Amino acid sequence: MVVPKVDGKELKVKVPAGIQQQAKLRLKGHGLPAGKTGGRGDIYVKFKVDIPKKLTDEQEKLIQELADKGL
């Protein structure tokens, strides 16, 4: 996933497996300048998971196969 930074650049971030709705990920040192210290603040990425309301027959079949295998 690519996250836009406040300086106009982009940061490539690996999304942790099993991320949940409304989870936050802290990107330390990639935020706004922290004043005289020369460091930078943090960026927080909040995840929004969109779950489809309708599935195709093939998608439902695949989900059922995963459920049968215990996933």
PDB file of N, CA and C in Angstrom:
ATOM      1  N   MET A   1       0.850  -1.160   0.000  1.00  0.00           N
ATOM      2  CA  MET A   1       0.000   0.000   0.000  1.00  0.00           C
ATOM      3  C   MET A   1       0.901   1.230   0.000  1.00  0.00           C
ATOM      4  N   VAL A   2       0.483   2.270  -0.669  1.00  0.00           N
ATOM      5  CA  VAL A   2       1.244   3.512  -0.741  1.00  0.00           C
ATOM      6  C   VAL A   2       0.511   4.587   0.059  1.00  0.00           C
ATOM      7  N   VAL A   3       1.261   5.259   0.950  1.00  0.00           N
ATOM      8  CA  VAL A   3       0.700   6.308   1.800  1.00  0.00           C
ATOM      9  C   VAL A   3       1.325   7.641   1.395  1.00  0.00           C
ATOM     10  N   PRO A   4       0.508   8.651   1.064  1.00  0.00           N
ATOM     11  CA  PRO A   4       1.067   9.965   0.752  1.00  0.00           C
ATOM     12  C   PRO A   4       1.551  10.650   2.034  1.00  0.00           C
ATOM     13  N   LYS A   5       2.737  11.259   1.975  1.00  0.00           N
ATOM     14  CA  LYS A   5       3.291  11.976   3.120  1.00  0.00           C
ATOM     15  C   LYS A   5       2.995  13.463   2.979  1.00  0.00           C
ATOM     16  N   VAL A   6       3.163  14.207   4.062  1.00  0.00           N
ATOM     17  CA  VAL A   6       2.854  15.633   4.062  1.00  0.00           C
ATOM     18  C   VAL A   6       3.810  16.437   3.194  1.00  0.00           C
ATOM     19  N   ASP A   7       4.985  15.895   2.877  1.00  0.00           N
ATOM     20  CA  ASP A   7       5.938  16.608   2.045  1.00  0.00           C
ATOM     21  C   ASP A   7       5.744  16.313   0.557  1.00  0.00           C
ATOM     22  N   GLY A   8       4.661  15.617   0.208  1.00  0.00           N
ATOM     23  CA  GLY A   8       4.355  15.313  -1.185  1.00  0.00           C
ATOM     24  C   GLY A   8       4.930  14.005  -1.678  1.00  0.00           C
ATOM     25  N   LYS A   9       5.801  13.383  -0.906  1.00  0.00           N
ATOM     26  CA  LYS A   9       6.379  12.101  -1.289  1.00  0.00           C
ATOM     27  C   LYS A   9       5.432  10.977  -0.882  1.00  0.00           C
ATOM     28  N   GLU A  10       5.760   9.770  -1.311  1.00  0.00           N
ATOM     29  CA  GLU A  10       4.935   8.609  -0.966  1.00  0.00           C
ATOM     30  C   GLU A  10       5.777   7.599  -0.207  1.00  0.00           C
ATOM     31  N   LEU A  11       5.137   6.855   0.671  1.00  0.00           N
ATOM     32  CA  LEU A  11       5.803   5.853   1.480  1.00  0.00           C
ATOM     33  C   LEU A  11       5.126   4.514   1.242  1.00  0.00           C
ATOM     34  N   LYS A  12       5.908   3.509   0.882  1.00  0.00           N
ATOM     35  CA  LYS A  12       5.364   2.176   0.666  1.00  0.00           C
ATOM     36  C   LYS A  12       5.300   1.458   2.017  1.00  0.00           C
ATOM     37  N   VAL A  13       4.107   0.956   2.379  1.00  0.00           N
ATOM     38  CA  VAL A  13       3.878   0.339   3.677  1.00  0.00           C
ATOM     39  C   VAL A  13       3.313  -1.059   3.477  1.00  0.00           C
ATOM     40  N   LYS A  14       3.829  -2.011   4.233  1.00  0.00           N
ATOM     41  CA  LYS A  14       3.296  -3.369   4.195  1.00  0.00           C
ATOM     42  C   LYS A  14       2.134  -3.461   5.182  1.00  0.00           C
ATOM     43  N   VAL A  15       0.974  -3.879   4.683  1.00  0.00           N
ATOM     44  CA  VAL A  15      -0.218  -4.002   5.525  1.00  0.00           C
ATOM     45  C   VAL A  15      -0.133  -5.332   6.282  1.00  0.00           C
ATOM     46  N   PRO A  16      -0.190  -5.277   7.622  1.00  0.00           N
ATOM     47  CA  PRO A  16      -0.103  -6.509   8.397  1.00  0.00           C
ATOM     48  C   PRO A  16      -1.266  -7.457   8.087  1.00  0.00           C
ATOM     49  N   ALA A  17      -0.975  -8.743   8.071  1.00  0.00           N
ATOM     50  CA  ALA A  17      -2.018  -9.744   7.841  1.00  0.00           C
ATOM     51  C   ALA A  17      -3.057  -9.671   8.955  1.00  0.00           C
ATOM     52  N   GLY A  18      -4.315  -9.825   8.597  1.00  0.00           N
ATOM     53  CA  GLY A  18      -5.399  -9.835   9.581  1.00  0.00           C
ATOM     54  C   GLY A  18      -5.784  -8.462  10.101  1.00  0.00           C
ATOM     55  N   ILE A  19      -5.401  -7.408   9.389  1.00  0.00           N
ATOM     56  CA  ILE A  19      -5.731  -6.048   9.837  1.00  0.00           C
ATOM     57  C   ILE A  19      -7.246  -5.919   9.976  1.00  0.00           C
ATOM     58  N   GLN A  20      -7.685  -5.240  11.004  1.00  0.00           N
ATOM     59  CA  GLN A  20      -9.106  -5.116  11.298  1.00  0.00           C
ATOM     60  C   GLN A  20      -9.603  -3.712  10.972  1.00  0.00           C
ATOM     61  N   GLN A  21     -10.902  -3.594  10.824  1.00  0.00           N
ATOM     62  CA  GLN A  21     -11.573  -2.316  10.574  1.00  0.00           C
ATOM     63  C   GLN A  21     -11.184  -1.310  11.647  1.00  0.00           C
ATOM     64  N   GLN A  22     -10.886  -0.092  11.261  1.00  0.00           N
ATOM     65  CA  GLN A  22     -10.561   1.037  12.135  1.00  0.00           C
ATOM     66  C   GLN A  22      -9.211   0.882  12.857  1.00  0.00           C
ATOM     67  N   ALA A  23      -8.386  -0.094  12.471  1.00  0.00           N
ATOM     68  CA  ALA A  23      -7.062  -0.245  13.062  1.00  0.00           C
ATOM     69  C   ALA A  23      -6.193   0.934  12.652  1.00  0.00           C
ATOM     70  N   LYS A  24      -5.223   1.282  13.497  1.00  0.00           N
ATOM     71  CA  LYS A  24      -4.310   2.383  13.199  1.00  0.00           C
ATOM     72  C   LYS A  24      -2.888   1.842  13.143  1.00  0.00           C
ATOM     73  N   LEU A  25      -2.132   2.356  12.191  1.00  0.00           N
ATOM     74  CA  LEU A  25      -0.736   1.987  12.026  1.00  0.00           C
ATOM     75  C   LEU A  25       0.091   3.258  12.160  1.00  0.00           C
ATOM     76  N   ARG A  26       1.088   3.245  13.056  1.00  0.00           N
ATOM     77  CA  ARG A  26       1.918   4.424  13.303  1.00  0.00           C
ATOM     78  C   ARG A  26       3.159   4.371  12.417  1.00  0.00           C
ATOM     79  N   LEU A  27       3.394   5.447  11.667  1.00  0.00           N
ATOM     80  CA  LEU A  27       4.589   5.567  10.841  1.00  0.00           C
ATOM     81  C   LEU A  27       5.486   6.610  11.501  1.00  0.00           C
ATOM     82  N   LYS A  28       6.362   6.133  12.368  1.00  0.00           N
ATOM     83  CA  LYS A  28       7.182   6.998  13.202  1.00  0.00           C
ATOM     84  C   LYS A  28       8.192   7.789  12.371  1.00  0.00           C
ATOM     85  N   GLY A  29       8.229   9.101  12.627  1.00  0.00           N
ATOM     86  CA  GLY A  29       9.211   9.967  11.999  1.00  0.00           C
ATOM     87  C   GLY A  29       8.912  10.397  10.579  1.00  0.00           C
ATOM     88  N   HIS A  30       7.679  10.203  10.113  1.00  0.00           N
ATOM     89  CA  HIS A  30       7.319  10.569   8.744  1.00  0.00           C
ATOM     90  C   HIS A  30       6.297  11.702   8.679  1.00  0.00           C
ATOM     91  N   GLY A  31       6.015  12.359   9.809  1.00  0.00           N
ATOM     92  CA  GLY A  31       5.018  13.423   9.837  1.00  0.00           C
ATOM     93  C   GLY A  31       5.626  14.809   9.665  1.00  0.00           C
ATOM     94  N   LEU A  32       4.988  15.781  10.254  1.00  0.00           N
ATOM     95  CA  LEU A  32       5.436  17.175  10.162  1.00  0.00           C
ATOM     96  C   LEU A  32       6.730  17.388  10.938  1.00  0.00           C
ATOM     97  N   PRO A  33       7.519  18.384  10.527  1.00  0.00           N
ATOM     98  CA  PRO A  33       8.729  18.706  11.288  1.00  0.00           C
ATOM     99  C   PRO A  33       8.360  19.074  12.730  1.00  0.00           C
ATOM    100  N   ALA A  34       9.200  18.640  13.677  1.00  0.00           N
ATOM    101  CA  ALA A  34       8.901  18.830  15.101  1.00  0.00           C
ATOM    102  C   ALA A  34       9.559  20.080  15.678  1.00  0.00           C
ATOM    103  N   GLY A  35       9.796  21.082  14.865  1.00  0.00           N
ATOM    104  CA  GLY A  35      10.331  22.352  15.355  1.00  0.00           C
ATOM    105  C   GLY A  35      11.840  22.359  15.448  1.00  0.00           C
ATOM    106  N   LYS A  36      12.369  22.938  16.527  1.00  0.00           N
ATOM    107  CA  LYS A  36      13.806  23.151  16.676  1.00  0.00           C
ATOM    108  C   LYS A  36      14.598  21.852  16.839  1.00  0.00           C
ATOM    109  N   THR A  37      13.956  20.782  17.202  1.00  0.00           N
ATOM    110  CA  THR A  37      14.681  19.524  17.430  1.00  0.00           C
ATOM    111  C   THR A  37      15.190  18.910  16.138  1.00  0.00           C
ATOM    112  N   GLY A  38      14.608  19.291  15.017  1.00  0.00           N
ATOM    113  CA  GLY A  38      15.041  18.762  13.727  1.00  0.00           C
ATOM    114  C   GLY A  38      14.409  17.434  13.376  1.00  0.00           C
ATOM    115  N   GLY A  39      13.723  16.841  14.309  1.00  0.00           N
ATOM    116  CA  GLY A  39      13.056  15.571  14.043  1.00  0.00           C
ATOM    117  C   GLY A  39      11.715  15.776  13.361  1.00  0.00           C
ATOM    118  N   ARG A  40      11.034  14.692  13.151  1.00  0.00           N
ATOM    119  CA  ARG A  40       9.710  14.756  12.536  1.00  0.00           C
ATOM    120  C   ARG A  40       8.726  14.008  13.425  1.00  0.00           C
ATOM    121  N   GLY A  41       7.460  14.420  13.318  1.00  0.00           N
ATOM    122  CA  GLY A  41       6.399  13.744  14.051  1.00  0.00           C
ATOM    123  C   GLY A  41       6.019  12.437  13.373  1.00  0.00           C
ATOM    124  N   ASP A  42       4.906  11.896  13.768  1.00  0.00           N
ATOM    125  CA  ASP A  42       4.444  10.609  13.252  1.00  0.00           C
ATOM    126  C   ASP A  42       3.215  10.788  12.367  1.00  0.00           C
ATOM    127  N   ILE A  43       3.001   9.823  11.488  1.00  0.00           N
ATOM    128  CA  ILE A  43       1.778   9.742  10.689  1.00  0.00           C
ATOM    129  C   ILE A  43       1.022   8.511  11.182  1.00  0.00           C
ATOM    130  N   TYR A  44      -0.279   8.644  11.335  1.00  0.00           N
ATOM    131  CA  TYR A  44      -1.122   7.502  11.671  1.00  0.00           C
ATOM    132  C   TYR A  44      -2.015   7.186  10.478  1.00  0.00           C
ATOM    133  N   VAL A  45      -2.004   5.931  10.079  1.00  0.00           N
ATOM    134  CA  VAL A  45      -2.845   5.470   8.975  1.00  0.00           C
ATOM    135  C   VAL A  45      -3.995   4.687   9.587  1.00  0.00           C
ATOM    136  N   LYS A  46      -5.228   5.096   9.289  1.00  0.00           N
ATOM    137  CA  LYS A  46      -6.415   4.415   9.793  1.00  0.00           C
ATOM    138  C   LYS A  46      -7.008   3.592   8.658  1.00  0.00           C
ATOM    139  N   PHE A  47      -7.276   2.328   8.918  1.00  0.00           N
ATOM    140  CA  PHE A  47      -7.747   1.418   7.883  1.00  0.00           C
ATOM    141  C   PHE A  47      -9.263   1.355   7.838  1.00  0.00           C
ATOM    142  N   LYS A  48      -9.776   1.403   6.629  1.00  0.00           N
ATOM    143  CA  LYS A  48     -11.203   1.229   6.390  1.00  0.00           C
ATOM    144  C   LYS A  48     -11.337   0.009   5.482  1.00  0.00           C
ATOM    145  N   VAL A  49     -11.982  -1.010   5.973  1.00  0.00           N
ATOM    146  CA  VAL A  49     -12.138  -2.257   5.233  1.00  0.00           C
ATOM    147  C   VAL A  49     -13.522  -2.264   4.602  1.00  0.00           C
ATOM    148  N   ASP A  50     -13.575  -2.327   3.275  1.00  0.00           N
ATOM    149  CA  ASP A  50     -14.846  -2.398   2.567  1.00  0.00           C
ATOM    150  C   ASP A  50     -15.162  -3.855   2.264  1.00  0.00           C
ATOM    151  N   ILE A  51     -16.265  -4.319   2.790  1.00  0.00           N
ATOM    152  CA  ILE A  51     -16.706  -5.697   2.560  1.00  0.00           C
ATOM    153  C   ILE A  51     -17.828  -5.654   1.538  1.00  0.00           C
ATOM    154  N   PRO A  52     -17.697  -6.421   0.452  1.00  0.00           N
ATOM    155  CA  PRO A  52     -18.732  -6.380  -0.588  1.00  0.00           C
ATOM    156  C   PRO A  52     -20.078  -6.885  -0.068  1.00  0.00           C
ATOM    157  N   LYS A  53     -21.132  -6.247  -0.527  1.00  0.00           N
ATOM    158  CA  LYS A  53     -22.481  -6.653  -0.113  1.00  0.00           C
ATOM    159  C   LYS A  53     -22.981  -7.844  -0.930  1.00  0.00           C
ATOM    160  N   LYS A  54     -22.541  -7.944  -2.165  1.00  0.00           N
ATOM    161  CA  LYS A  54     -22.956  -9.056  -3.027  1.00  0.00           C
ATOM    162  C   LYS A  54     -21.721  -9.744  -3.576  1.00  0.00           C
ATOM    163  N   LEU A  55     -21.791 -11.065  -3.642  1.00  0.00           N
ATOM    164  CA  LEU A  55     -20.699 -11.866  -4.184  1.00  0.00           C
ATOM    165  C   LEU A  55     -21.189 -12.629  -5.406  1.00  0.00           C
ATOM    166  N   THR A  56     -20.257 -12.904  -6.303  1.00  0.00           N
ATOM    167  CA  THR A  56     -20.613 -13.737  -7.442  1.00  0.00           C
ATOM    168  C   THR A  56     -20.691 -15.189  -6.971  1.00  0.00           C
ATOM    169  N   ASP A  57     -21.271 -16.042  -7.798  1.00  0.00           N
ATOM    170  CA  ASP A  57     -21.353 -17.461  -7.454  1.00  0.00           C
ATOM    171  C   ASP A  57     -19.956 -18.047  -7.237  1.00  0.00           C
ATOM    172  N   GLU A  58     -19.004 -17.654  -8.075  1.00  0.00           N
ATOM    173  CA  GLU A  58     -17.631 -18.162  -7.943  1.00  0.00           C
ATOM    174  C   GLU A  58     -16.997 -17.716  -6.629  1.00  0.00           C
ATOM    175  N   GLN A  59     -17.227 -16.462  -6.237  1.00  0.00           N
ATOM    176  CA  GLN A  59     -16.688 -15.955  -4.978  1.00  0.00           C
ATOM    177  C   GLN A  59     -17.284 -16.704  -3.794  1.00  0.00           C
ATOM    178  N   GLU A  60     -18.590 -16.937  -3.833  1.00  0.00           N
ATOM    179  CA  GLU A  60     -19.232 -17.683  -2.748  1.00  0.00           C
ATOM    180  C   GLU A  60     -18.684 -19.100  -2.655  1.00  0.00           C
ATOM    181  N   LYS A  61     -18.444 -19.730  -3.811  1.00  0.00           N
ATOM    182  CA  LYS A  61     -17.883 -21.077  -3.836  1.00  0.00           C
ATOM    183  C   LYS A  61     -16.486 -21.091  -3.205  1.00  0.00           C
ATOM    184  N   LEU A  62     -15.658 -20.120  -3.556  1.00  0.00           N
ATOM    185  CA  LEU A  62     -14.311 -20.046  -3.002  1.00  0.00           C
ATOM    186  C   LEU A  62     -14.333 -19.827  -1.490  1.00  0.00           C
ATOM    187  N   ILE A  63     -15.226 -18.980  -1.024  1.00  0.00           N
ATOM    188  CA  ILE A  63     -15.353 -18.744   0.417  1.00  0.00           C
ATOM    189  C   ILE A  63     -15.785 -20.019   1.125  1.00  0.00           C
ATOM    190  N   GLN A  64     -16.705 -20.741   0.514  1.00  0.00           N
ATOM    191  CA  GLN A  64     -17.154 -22.002   1.114  1.00  0.00           C
ATOM    192  C   GLN A  64     -16.003 -23.013   1.174  1.00  0.00           C
ATOM    193  N   GLU A  65     -15.180 -23.063   0.138  1.00  0.00           N
ATOM    194  CA  GLU A  65     -14.029 -23.968   0.127  1.00  0.00           C
ATOM    195  C   GLU A  65     -13.057 -23.616   1.267  1.00  0.00           C
ATOM    196  N   LEU A  66     -12.818 -22.331   1.467  1.00  0.00           N
ATOM    197  CA  LEU A  66     -11.958 -21.912   2.564  1.00  0.00           C
ATOM    198  C   LEU A  66     -12.563 -22.271   3.919  1.00  0.00           C
ATOM    199  N   ALA A  67     -13.869 -22.089   4.063  1.00  0.00           N
ATOM    200  CA  ALA A  67     -14.546 -22.436   5.308  1.00  0.00           C
ATOM    201  C   ALA A  67     -14.446 -23.932   5.578  1.00  0.00           C
ATOM    202  N   ASP A  68     -14.573 -24.731   4.538  1.00  0.00           N
ATOM    203  CA  ASP A  68     -14.475 -26.179   4.691  1.00  0.00           C
ATOM    204  C   ASP A  68     -13.070 -26.597   5.163  1.00  0.00           C
ATOM    205  N   LYS A  69     -12.078 -25.792   4.812  1.00  0.00           N
ATOM    206  CA  LYS A  69     -10.697 -26.089   5.219  1.00  0.00           C
ATOM    207  C   LYS A  69     -10.336 -25.454   6.563  1.00  0.00           C
ATOM    208  N   GLY A  70     -11.304 -24.801   7.191  1.00  0.00           N
ATOM    209  CA  GLY A  70     -11.093 -24.226   8.511  1.00  0.00           C
ATOM    210  C   GLY A  70     -10.547 -22.811   8.534  1.00  0.00           C
ATOM    211  N   LEU A  71     -10.622 -22.130   7.408  1.00  0.00           N
ATOM    212  CA  LEU A  71     -10.149 -20.744   7.369  1.00  0.00           C
ATOM    213  C   LEU A  71     -11.285 -19.757   7.388  1.00  0.00           C
TER     214      LEU A  71
END
